[in-house]
Amino acid sequence: LYYGLRTDDLLSRNRAKNIVRARQVAMFLCRELLKESYPSIGRSFSGMSHAAAMHSCRRVASMLRTDPRLVQTIDVLKNELAEGRPKRNEGGQLCVQFDAKT
């Protein structure tokens, strides 16, 4: 968990603002850290289109220029992910899960 969401929330098609932001950040990290293609990222997030993945990545990149809190969040997540590589399931999809900070 991160952002107070379950993995199911992150991978859902729910369009609540807090879920959308977390999903966009997760897609951005998949692109930045794993160099995944947009189609692969979209498929990993409940079969979304490559265009949705591209929009998410570009949106986060844009927000990083003006939102210092988001910069800090991305840095924290990158450090956490560096401690253990994200896994893939048997179908090759990314298995993304963030642990809650206590």
PDB file of N, CA and C in Angstrom:
ATOM      1  N   LEU A   1       0.828  -1.197   0.000  1.00  0.00           N
ATOM      2  CA  LEU A   1       0.000   0.000   0.000  1.00  0.00           C
ATOM      3  C   LEU A   1       0.867   1.253   0.000  1.00  0.00           C
ATOM      4  N   TYR A   2       0.408   2.235  -0.694  1.00  0.00           N
ATOM      5  CA  TYR A   2       0.996   3.558  -0.658  1.00  0.00           C
ATOM      6  C   TYR A   2      -0.114   4.472  -1.095  1.00  0.00           C
ATOM      7  N   TYR A   3      -0.131   5.670  -0.667  1.00  0.00           N
ATOM      8  CA  TYR A   3      -1.260   6.568  -0.893  1.00  0.00           C
ATOM      9  C   TYR A   3      -2.500   6.047  -0.175  1.00  0.00           C
ATOM     10  N   GLY A   4      -2.360   5.095   0.746  1.00  0.00           N
ATOM     11  CA  GLY A   4      -3.487   4.546   1.472  1.00  0.00           C
ATOM     12  C   GLY A   4      -4.404   3.690   0.627  1.00  0.00           C
ATOM     13  N   LEU A   5      -3.901   3.144  -0.455  1.00  0.00           N
ATOM     14  CA  LEU A   5      -4.708   2.337  -1.376  1.00  0.00           C
ATOM     15  C   LEU A   5      -4.239   0.898  -1.390  1.00  0.00           C
ATOM     16  N   ARG A   6      -5.163   0.014  -1.705  1.00  0.00           N
ATOM     17  CA  ARG A   6      -4.814  -1.393  -1.920  1.00  0.00           C
ATOM     18  C   ARG A   6      -4.368  -1.556  -3.380  1.00  0.00           C
ATOM     19  N   THR A   7      -3.672  -2.630  -3.640  1.00  0.00           N
ATOM     20  CA  THR A   7      -3.246  -2.922  -5.007  1.00  0.00           C
ATOM     21  C   THR A   7      -4.451  -3.008  -5.937  1.00  0.00           C
ATOM     22  N   ASP A   8      -5.543  -3.607  -5.448  1.00  0.00           N
ATOM     23  CA  ASP A   8      -6.761  -3.709  -6.265  1.00  0.00           C
ATOM     24  C   ASP A   8      -7.261  -2.338  -6.691  1.00  0.00           C
ATOM     25  N   ASP A   9      -7.162  -1.347  -5.791  1.00  0.00           N
ATOM     26  CA  ASP A   9      -7.578   0.013  -6.138  1.00  0.00           C
ATOM     27  C   ASP A   9      -6.703   0.563  -7.255  1.00  0.00           C
ATOM     28  N   LEU A  10      -5.415   0.374  -7.114  1.00  0.00           N
ATOM     29  CA  LEU A  10      -4.456   0.892  -8.081  1.00  0.00           C
ATOM     30  C   LEU A  10      -4.679   0.292  -9.466  1.00  0.00           C
ATOM     31  N   LEU A  11      -5.016  -0.972  -9.502  1.00  0.00           N
ATOM     32  CA  LEU A  11      -5.186  -1.661 -10.779  1.00  0.00           C
ATOM     33  C   LEU A  11      -6.609  -1.578 -11.318  1.00  0.00           C
ATOM     34  N   SER A  12      -7.517  -0.985 -10.565  1.00  0.00           N
ATOM     35  CA  SER A  12      -8.909  -0.863 -11.008  1.00  0.00           C
ATOM     36  C   SER A  12      -9.035   0.248 -12.047  1.00  0.00           C
ATOM     37  N   ARG A  13     -10.226   0.386 -12.571  1.00  0.00           N
ATOM     38  CA  ARG A  13     -10.503   1.488 -13.500  1.00  0.00           C
ATOM     39  C   ARG A  13     -11.234   2.627 -12.799  1.00  0.00           C
ATOM     40  N   ASN A  14     -11.221   2.608 -11.475  1.00  0.00           N
ATOM     41  CA  ASN A  14     -11.852   3.653 -10.684  1.00  0.00           C
ATOM     42  C   ASN A  14     -11.230   5.005 -11.033  1.00  0.00           C
ATOM     43  N   ARG A  15     -12.072   6.027 -11.194  1.00  0.00           N
ATOM     44  CA  ARG A  15     -11.576   7.331 -11.602  1.00  0.00           C
ATOM     45  C   ARG A  15     -11.593   8.366 -10.485  1.00  0.00           C
ATOM     46  N   ALA A  16     -11.684   7.906  -9.244  1.00  0.00           N
ATOM     47  CA  ALA A  16     -11.580   8.833  -8.115  1.00  0.00           C
ATOM     48  C   ALA A  16     -10.207   9.501  -8.163  1.00  0.00           C
ATOM     49  N   LYS A  17     -10.171  10.793  -7.858  1.00  0.00           N
ATOM     50  CA  LYS A  17      -8.955  11.588  -8.024  1.00  0.00           C
ATOM     51  C   LYS A  17      -7.740  10.978  -7.321  1.00  0.00           C
ATOM     52  N   ASN A  18      -7.925  10.534  -6.069  1.00  0.00           N
ATOM     53  CA  ASN A  18      -6.782   9.985  -5.332  1.00  0.00           C
ATOM     54  C   ASN A  18      -6.272   8.692  -5.960  1.00  0.00           C
ATOM     55  N   ILE A  19      -7.164   7.907  -6.512  1.00  0.00           N
ATOM     56  CA  ILE A  19      -6.754   6.645  -7.153  1.00  0.00           C
ATOM     57  C   ILE A  19      -6.085   6.932  -8.489  1.00  0.00           C
ATOM     58  N   VAL A  20      -6.638   7.866  -9.242  1.00  0.00           N
ATOM     59  CA  VAL A  20      -6.045   8.229 -10.538  1.00  0.00           C
ATOM     60  C   VAL A  20      -4.618   8.732 -10.347  1.00  0.00           C
ATOM     61  N   ARG A  21      -4.398   9.601  -9.369  1.00  0.00           N
ATOM     62  CA  ARG A  21      -3.052  10.147  -9.131  1.00  0.00           C
ATOM     63  C   ARG A  21      -2.073   9.022  -8.786  1.00  0.00           C
ATOM     64  N   ALA A  22      -2.456   8.134  -7.901  1.00  0.00           N
ATOM     65  CA  ALA A  22      -1.574   7.029  -7.514  1.00  0.00           C
ATOM     66  C   ALA A  22      -1.281   6.125  -8.711  1.00  0.00           C
ATOM     67  N   ARG A  23      -2.294   5.859  -9.514  1.00  0.00           N
ATOM     68  CA  ARG A  23      -2.113   5.017 -10.698  1.00  0.00           C
ATOM     69  C   ARG A  23      -1.165   5.701 -11.691  1.00  0.00           C
ATOM     70  N   GLN A  24      -1.313   7.003 -11.870  1.00  0.00           N
ATOM     71  CA  GLN A  24      -0.433   7.733 -12.774  1.00  0.00           C
ATOM     72  C   GLN A  24       1.016   7.666 -12.301  1.00  0.00           C
ATOM     73  N   VAL A  25       1.219   7.812 -11.011  1.00  0.00           N
ATOM     74  CA  VAL A  25       2.570   7.727 -10.454  1.00  0.00           C
ATOM     75  C   VAL A  25       3.142   6.329 -10.674  1.00  0.00           C
ATOM     76  N   ALA A  26       2.344   5.313 -10.450  1.00  0.00           N
ATOM     77  CA  ALA A  26       2.818   3.938 -10.654  1.00  0.00           C
ATOM     78  C   ALA A  26       3.196   3.698 -12.120  1.00  0.00           C
ATOM     79  N   MET A  27       2.378   4.197 -13.038  1.00  0.00           N
ATOM     80  CA  MET A  27       2.696   4.045 -14.462  1.00  0.00           C
ATOM     81  C   MET A  27       3.975   4.796 -14.809  1.00  0.00           C
ATOM     82  N   PHE A  28       4.127   5.988 -14.270  1.00  0.00           N
ATOM     83  CA  PHE A  28       5.333   6.783 -14.491  1.00  0.00           C
ATOM     84  C   PHE A  28       6.569   6.020 -14.023  1.00  0.00           C
ATOM     85  N   LEU A  29       6.482   5.419 -12.843  1.00  0.00           N
ATOM     86  CA  LEU A  29       7.620   4.665 -12.314  1.00  0.00           C
ATOM     87  C   LEU A  29       7.929   3.437 -13.166  1.00  0.00           C
ATOM     88  N   CYS A  30       6.908   2.796 -13.693  1.00  0.00           N
ATOM     89  CA  CYS A  30       7.142   1.650 -14.589  1.00  0.00           C
ATOM     90  C   CYS A  30       7.912   2.087 -15.825  1.00  0.00           C
ATOM     91  N   ARG A  31       7.567   3.246 -16.332  1.00  0.00           N
ATOM     92  CA  ARG A  31       8.241   3.766 -17.523  1.00  0.00           C
ATOM     93  C   ARG A  31       9.669   4.208 -17.202  1.00  0.00           C
ATOM     94  N   GLU A  32       9.817   4.966 -16.123  1.00  0.00           N
ATOM     95  CA  GLU A  32      11.118   5.528 -15.772  1.00  0.00           C
ATOM     96  C   GLU A  32      12.122   4.478 -15.293  1.00  0.00           C
ATOM     97  N   LEU A  33      11.676   3.590 -14.433  1.00  0.00           N
ATOM     98  CA  LEU A  33      12.608   2.645 -13.821  1.00  0.00           C
ATOM     99  C   LEU A  33      12.794   1.367 -14.622  1.00  0.00           C
ATOM    100  N   LEU A  34      11.718   0.898 -15.234  1.00  0.00           N
ATOM    101  CA  LEU A  34      11.779  -0.385 -15.935  1.00  0.00           C
ATOM    102  C   LEU A  34      11.889  -0.245 -17.441  1.00  0.00           C
ATOM    103  N   LYS A  35      11.723   0.992 -17.918  1.00  0.00           N
ATOM    104  CA  LYS A  35      11.780   1.269 -19.360  1.00  0.00           C
ATOM    105  C   LYS A  35      10.752   0.437 -20.131  1.00  0.00           C
ATOM    106  N   GLU A  36       9.608   0.213 -19.485  1.00  0.00           N
ATOM    107  CA  GLU A  36       8.531  -0.550 -20.113  1.00  0.00           C
ATOM    108  C   GLU A  36       7.888   0.271 -21.227  1.00  0.00           C
ATOM    109  N   SER A  37       7.372  -0.408 -22.223  1.00  0.00           N
ATOM    110  CA  SER A  37       6.656   0.265 -23.299  1.00  0.00           C
ATOM    111  C   SER A  37       5.287   0.704 -22.786  1.00  0.00           C
ATOM    112  N   TYR A  38       4.706   1.685 -23.441  1.00  0.00           N
ATOM    113  CA  TYR A  38       3.374   2.138 -23.044  1.00  0.00           C
ATOM    114  C   TYR A  38       2.326   1.023 -23.170  1.00  0.00           C
ATOM    115  N   PRO A  39       2.345   0.234 -24.252  1.00  0.00           N
ATOM    116  CA  PRO A  39       1.376  -0.870 -24.317  1.00  0.00           C
ATOM    117  C   PRO A  39       1.527  -1.855 -23.163  1.00  0.00           C
ATOM    118  N   SER A  40       2.768  -2.166 -22.777  1.00  0.00           N
ATOM    119  CA  SER A  40       3.002  -3.094 -21.672  1.00  0.00           C
ATOM    120  C   SER A  40       2.484  -2.511 -20.354  1.00  0.00           C
ATOM    121  N   ILE A  41       2.734  -1.233 -20.138  1.00  0.00           N
ATOM    122  CA  ILE A  41       2.247  -0.581 -18.917  1.00  0.00           C
ATOM    123  C   ILE A  41       0.729  -0.606 -18.889  1.00  0.00           C
ATOM    124  N   GLY A  42       0.102  -0.246 -19.995  1.00  0.00           N
ATOM    125  CA  GLY A  42      -1.357  -0.247 -20.054  1.00  0.00           C
ATOM    126  C   GLY A  42      -1.950  -1.612 -19.765  1.00  0.00           C
ATOM    127  N   ARG A  43      -1.380  -2.643 -20.369  1.00  0.00           N
ATOM    128  CA  ARG A  43      -1.869  -4.004 -20.129  1.00  0.00           C
ATOM    129  C   ARG A  43      -1.739  -4.385 -18.664  1.00  0.00           C
ATOM    130  N   SER A  44      -0.664  -3.948 -18.028  1.00  0.00           N
ATOM    131  CA  SER A  44      -0.423  -4.291 -16.629  1.00  0.00           C
ATOM    132  C   SER A  44      -1.405  -3.607 -15.685  1.00  0.00           C
ATOM    133  N   PHE A  45      -1.987  -2.523 -16.121  1.00  0.00           N
ATOM    134  CA  PHE A  45      -2.959  -1.791 -15.314  1.00  0.00           C
ATOM    135  C   PHE A  45      -4.355  -2.022 -15.877  1.00  0.00           C
ATOM    136  N   SER A  46      -4.844  -3.230 -15.694  1.00  0.00           N
ATOM    137  CA  SER A  46      -6.207  -3.627 -16.072  1.00  0.00           C
ATOM    138  C   SER A  46      -6.523  -3.418 -17.542  1.00  0.00           C
ATOM    139  N   GLY A  47      -5.531  -3.612 -18.378  1.00  0.00           N
ATOM    140  CA  GLY A  47      -5.764  -3.565 -19.814  1.00  0.00           C
ATOM    141  C   GLY A  47      -6.040  -2.187 -20.369  1.00  0.00           C
ATOM    142  N   MET A  48      -5.499  -1.166 -19.735  1.00  0.00           N
ATOM    143  CA  MET A  48      -5.685   0.190 -20.261  1.00  0.00           C
ATOM    144  C   MET A  48      -4.917   0.332 -21.562  1.00  0.00           C
ATOM    145  N   SER A  49      -5.276   1.333 -22.324  1.00  0.00           N
ATOM    146  CA  SER A  49      -4.630   1.549 -23.619  1.00  0.00           C
ATOM    147  C   SER A  49      -3.234   2.142 -23.443  1.00  0.00           C
ATOM    148  N   HIS A  50      -2.438   2.021 -24.509  1.00  0.00           N
ATOM    149  CA  HIS A  50      -1.118   2.643 -24.485  1.00  0.00           C
ATOM    150  C   HIS A  50      -1.253   4.157 -24.366  1.00  0.00           C
ATOM    151  N   ALA A  51      -2.321   4.717 -24.927  1.00  0.00           N
ATOM    152  CA  ALA A  51      -2.533   6.168 -24.857  1.00  0.00           C
ATOM    153  C   ALA A  51      -2.789   6.614 -23.419  1.00  0.00           C
ATOM    154  N   ALA A  52      -3.515   5.811 -22.651  1.00  0.00           N
ATOM    155  CA  ALA A  52      -3.761   6.136 -21.243  1.00  0.00           C
ATOM    156  C   ALA A  52      -2.455   6.095 -20.460  1.00  0.00           C
ATOM    157  N   ALA A  53      -1.619   5.107 -20.736  1.00  0.00           N
ATOM    158  CA  ALA A  53      -0.323   5.011 -20.065  1.00  0.00           C
ATOM    159  C   ALA A  53       0.559   6.195 -20.442  1.00  0.00           C
ATOM    160  N   MET A  54       0.563   6.556 -21.700  1.00  0.00           N
ATOM    161  CA  MET A  54       1.367   7.681 -22.167  1.00  0.00           C
ATOM    162  C   MET A  54       0.894   8.986 -21.505  1.00  0.00           C
ATOM    163  N   HIS A  55      -0.414   9.175 -21.468  1.00  0.00           N
ATOM    164  CA  HIS A  55      -0.967  10.376 -20.836  1.00  0.00           C
ATOM    165  C   HIS A  55      -0.564  10.434 -19.368  1.00  0.00           C
ATOM    166  N   SER A  56      -0.650   9.313 -18.662  1.00  0.00           N
ATOM    167  CA  SER A  56      -0.289   9.273 -17.249  1.00  0.00           C
ATOM    168  C   SER A  56       1.168   9.655 -17.039  1.00  0.00           C
ATOM    169  N   CYS A  57       2.044   9.099 -17.830  1.00  0.00           N
ATOM    170  CA  CYS A  57       3.476   9.389 -17.691  1.00  0.00           C
ATOM    171  C   CYS A  57       3.779  10.849 -17.989  1.00  0.00           C
ATOM    172  N   ARG A  58       3.169  11.375 -19.031  1.00  0.00           N
ATOM    173  CA  ARG A  58       3.391  12.778 -19.374  1.00  0.00           C
ATOM    174  C   ARG A  58       2.804  13.710 -18.321  1.00  0.00           C
ATOM    175  N   ARG A  59       1.672  13.331 -17.773  1.00  0.00           N
ATOM    176  CA  ARG A  59       1.022  14.146 -16.738  1.00  0.00           C
ATOM    177  C   ARG A  59       1.906  14.230 -15.496  1.00  0.00           C
ATOM    178  N   VAL A  60       2.445  13.099 -15.055  1.00  0.00           N
ATOM    179  CA  VAL A  60       3.319  13.098 -13.880  1.00  0.00           C
ATOM    180  C   VAL A  60       4.588  13.895 -14.170  1.00  0.00           C
ATOM    181  N   ALA A  61       5.180  13.719 -15.336  1.00  0.00           N
ATOM    182  CA  ALA A  61       6.388  14.471 -15.701  1.00  0.00           C
ATOM    183  C   ALA A  61       6.111  15.973 -15.652  1.00  0.00           C
ATOM    184  N   SER A  62       4.957  16.377 -16.105  1.00  0.00           N
ATOM    185  CA  SER A  62       4.573  17.783 -16.070  1.00  0.00           C
ATOM    186  C   SER A  62       4.393  18.278 -14.633  1.00  0.00           C
ATOM    187  N   MET A  63       3.718  17.484 -13.814  1.00  0.00           N
ATOM    188  CA  MET A  63       3.477  17.869 -12.422  1.00  0.00           C
ATOM    189  C   MET A  63       4.780  17.950 -11.630  1.00  0.00           C
ATOM    190  N   LEU A  64       5.767  17.141 -11.980  1.00  0.00           N
ATOM    191  CA  LEU A  64       7.045  17.151 -11.269  1.00  0.00           C
ATOM    192  C   LEU A  64       7.755  18.495 -11.391  1.00  0.00           C
ATOM    193  N   ARG A  65       7.458  19.240 -12.439  1.00  0.00           N
ATOM    194  CA  ARG A  65       8.098  20.543 -12.630  1.00  0.00           C
ATOM    195  C   ARG A  65       7.570  21.606 -11.670  1.00  0.00           C
ATOM    196  N   THR A  66       6.390  21.373 -11.092  1.00  0.00           N
ATOM    197  CA  THR A  66       5.774  22.412 -10.258  1.00  0.00           C
ATOM    198  C   THR A  66       5.350  21.938  -8.875  1.00  0.00           C
ATOM    199  N   ASP A  67       5.469  20.653  -8.580  1.00  0.00           N
ATOM    200  CA  ASP A  67       4.962  20.119  -7.314  1.00  0.00           C
ATOM    201  C   ASP A  67       6.082  19.462  -6.514  1.00  0.00           C
ATOM    202  N   PRO A  68       6.688  20.205  -5.574  1.00  0.00           N
ATOM    203  CA  PRO A  68       7.801  19.637  -4.801  1.00  0.00           C
ATOM    204  C   PRO A  68       7.400  18.434  -3.948  1.00  0.00           C
ATOM    205  N   ARG A  69       6.153  18.382  -3.500  1.00  0.00           N
ATOM    206  CA  ARG A  69       5.705  17.222  -2.720  1.00  0.00           C
ATOM    207  C   ARG A  69       5.691  15.966  -3.585  1.00  0.00           C
ATOM    208  N   LEU A  70       5.295  16.112  -4.837  1.00  0.00           N
ATOM    209  CA  LEU A  70       5.302  14.964  -5.745  1.00  0.00           C
ATOM    210  C   LEU A  70       6.737  14.520  -6.021  1.00  0.00           C
ATOM    211  N   VAL A  71       7.645  15.469  -6.170  1.00  0.00           N
ATOM    212  CA  VAL A  71       9.062  15.127  -6.362  1.00  0.00           C
ATOM    213  C   VAL A  71       9.547  14.282  -5.186  1.00  0.00           C
ATOM    214  N   GLN A  72       9.195  14.704  -3.974  1.00  0.00           N
ATOM    215  CA  GLN A  72       9.599  13.965  -2.774  1.00  0.00           C
ATOM    216  C   GLN A  72       8.969  12.574  -2.756  1.00  0.00           C
ATOM    217  N   THR A  73       7.689  12.483  -3.107  1.00  0.00           N
ATOM    218  CA  THR A  73       6.999  11.188  -3.141  1.00  0.00           C
ATOM    219  C   THR A  73       7.669  10.246  -4.134  1.00  0.00           C
ATOM    220  N   ILE A  74       7.965  10.749  -5.327  1.00  0.00           N
ATOM    221  CA  ILE A  74       8.614   9.926  -6.359  1.00  0.00           C
ATOM    222  C   ILE A  74       9.977   9.451  -5.864  1.00  0.00           C
ATOM    223  N   ASP A  75      10.721  10.339  -5.223  1.00  0.00           N
ATOM    224  CA  ASP A  75      12.041   9.952  -4.697  1.00  0.00           C
ATOM    225  C   ASP A  75      11.921   8.849  -3.653  1.00  0.00           C
ATOM    226  N   VAL A  76      10.953   8.969  -2.752  1.00  0.00           N
ATOM    227  CA  VAL A  76      10.739   7.942  -1.729  1.00  0.00           C
ATOM    228  C   VAL A  76      10.390   6.611  -2.387  1.00  0.00           C
ATOM    229  N   LEU A  77       9.480   6.642  -3.342  1.00  0.00           N
ATOM    230  CA  LEU A  77       9.063   5.406  -4.013  1.00  0.00           C
ATOM    231  C   LEU A  77      10.216   4.779  -4.781  1.00  0.00           C
ATOM    232  N   LYS A  78      11.009   5.600  -5.459  1.00  0.00           N
ATOM    233  CA  LYS A  78      12.167   5.066  -6.185  1.00  0.00           C
ATOM    234  C   LYS A  78      13.127   4.368  -5.229  1.00  0.00           C
ATOM    235  N   ASN A  79      13.366   4.980  -4.077  1.00  0.00           N
ATOM    236  CA  ASN A  79      14.259   4.359  -3.090  1.00  0.00           C
ATOM    237  C   ASN A  79      13.701   3.047  -2.575  1.00  0.00           C
ATOM    238  N   GLU A  80      12.395   3.023  -2.301  1.00  0.00           N
ATOM    239  CA  GLU A  80      11.773   1.784  -1.827  1.00  0.00           C
ATOM    240  C   GLU A  80      11.853   0.695  -2.884  1.00  0.00           C
ATOM    241  N   LEU A  81      11.606   1.061  -4.117  1.00  0.00           N
ATOM    242  CA  LEU A  81      11.652   0.066  -5.192  1.00  0.00           C
ATOM    243  C   LEU A  81      13.079  -0.408  -5.456  1.00  0.00           C
ATOM    244  N   ALA A  82      14.062   0.459  -5.228  1.00  0.00           N
ATOM    245  CA  ALA A  82      15.457   0.073  -5.444  1.00  0.00           C
ATOM    246  C   ALA A  82      15.886  -1.022  -4.474  1.00  0.00           C
ATOM    247  N   GLU A  83      15.191  -1.096  -3.347  1.00  0.00           N
ATOM    248  CA  GLU A  83      15.527  -2.118  -2.363  1.00  0.00           C
ATOM    249  C   GLU A  83      15.061  -3.511  -2.772  1.00  0.00           C
ATOM    250  N   GLY A  84      14.115  -3.585  -3.670  1.00  0.00           N
ATOM    251  CA  GLY A  84      13.610  -4.873  -4.146  1.00  0.00           C
ATOM    252  C   GLY A  84      12.957  -4.696  -5.504  1.00  0.00           C
ATOM    253  N   ARG A  85      13.435  -5.390  -6.495  1.00  0.00           N
ATOM    254  CA  ARG A  85      12.937  -5.221  -7.860  1.00  0.00           C
ATOM    255  C   ARG A  85      11.476  -5.640  -7.949  1.00  0.00           C
ATOM    256  N   PRO A  86      10.649  -4.876  -8.678  1.00  0.00           N
ATOM    257  CA  PRO A  86       9.262  -5.299  -8.914  1.00  0.00           C
ATOM    258  C   PRO A  86       9.236  -6.640  -9.629  1.00  0.00           C
ATOM    259  N   LYS A  87       8.240  -7.428  -9.343  1.00  0.00           N
ATOM    260  CA  LYS A  87       8.136  -8.764  -9.913  1.00  0.00           C
ATOM    261  C   LYS A  87       7.135  -8.785 -11.054  1.00  0.00           C
ATOM    262  N   ARG A  88       7.203  -9.837 -11.843  1.00  0.00           N
ATOM    263  CA  ARG A  88       6.251 -10.075 -12.926  1.00  0.00           C
ATOM    264  C   ARG A  88       5.507 -11.374 -12.630  1.00  0.00           C
ATOM    265  N   ASN A  89       4.244 -11.431 -13.048  1.00  0.00           N
ATOM    266  CA  ASN A  89       3.491 -12.667 -12.860  1.00  0.00           C
ATOM    267  C   ASN A  89       3.798 -13.620 -14.006  1.00  0.00           C
ATOM    268  N   GLU A  90       3.133 -14.770 -14.021  1.00  0.00           N
ATOM    269  CA  GLU A  90       3.414 -15.781 -15.039  1.00  0.00           C
ATOM    270  C   GLU A  90       3.115 -15.285 -16.448  1.00  0.00           C
ATOM    271  N   GLY A  91       2.167 -14.357 -16.577  1.00  0.00           N
ATOM    272  CA  GLY A  91       1.828 -13.791 -17.882  1.00  0.00           C
ATOM    273  C   GLY A  91       2.750 -12.667 -18.311  1.00  0.00           C
ATOM    274  N   GLY A  92       3.729 -12.335 -17.485  1.00  0.00           N
ATOM    275  CA  GLY A  92       4.685 -11.297 -17.820  1.00  0.00           C
ATOM    276  C   GLY A  92       4.253  -9.903 -17.403  1.00  0.00           C
ATOM    277  N   GLN A  93       3.059  -9.780 -16.783  1.00  0.00           N
ATOM    278  CA  GLN A  93       2.600  -8.472 -16.356  1.00  0.00           C
ATOM    279  C   GLN A  93       3.343  -8.036 -15.107  1.00  0.00           C
ATOM    280  N   LEU A  94       3.530  -6.733 -14.987  1.00  0.00           N
ATOM    281  CA  LEU A  94       4.203  -6.192 -13.816  1.00  0.00           C
ATOM    282  C   LEU A  94       3.339  -6.382 -12.585  1.00  0.00           C
ATOM    283  N   CYS A  95       3.964  -6.764 -11.491  1.00  0.00           N
ATOM    284  CA  CYS A  95       3.279  -6.895 -10.209  1.00  0.00           C
ATOM    285  C   CYS A  95       3.755  -5.747  -9.332  1.00  0.00           C
ATOM    286  N   VAL A  96       2.939  -4.728  -9.214  1.00  0.00           N
ATOM    287  CA  VAL A  96       3.313  -3.530  -8.491  1.00  0.00           C
ATOM    288  C   VAL A  96       2.597  -3.493  -7.159  1.00  0.00           C
ATOM    289  N   GLN A  97       3.350  -3.391  -6.077  1.00  0.00           N
ATOM    290  CA  GLN A  97       2.741  -3.249  -4.762  1.00  0.00           C
ATOM    291  C   GLN A  97       3.663  -2.412  -3.901  1.00  0.00           C
ATOM    292  N   PHE A  98       3.097  -1.413  -3.273  1.00  0.00           N
ATOM    293  CA  PHE A  98       3.847  -0.550  -2.378  1.00  0.00           C
ATOM    294  C   PHE A  98       3.426  -0.838  -0.963  1.00  0.00           C
ATOM    295  N   ASP A  99       4.361  -0.888  -0.040  1.00  0.00           N
ATOM    296  CA  ASP A  99       4.058  -1.161   1.368  1.00  0.00           C
ATOM    297  C   ASP A  99       3.792   0.151   2.085  1.00  0.00           C
ATOM    298  N   ALA A 100       2.839   0.113   3.014  1.00  0.00           N
ATOM    299  CA  ALA A 100       2.501   1.292   3.809  1.00  0.00           C
ATOM    300  C   ALA A 100       3.620   1.567   4.799  1.00  0.00           C
ATOM    301  N   LYS A 101       3.862   2.834   5.050  1.00  0.00           N
ATOM    302  CA  LYS A 101       4.803   3.244   6.079  1.00  0.00           C
ATOM    303  C   LYS A 101       4.079   3.304   7.395  1.00  0.00           C
ATOM    304  N   THR A 102       4.681   2.771   8.425  1.00  0.00           N
ATOM    305  CA  THR A 102       4.041   2.804   9.735  1.00  0.00           C
ATOM    306  C   THR A 102       4.660   3.873  10.606  1.00  0.00           C
TER     307      THR A 102
END
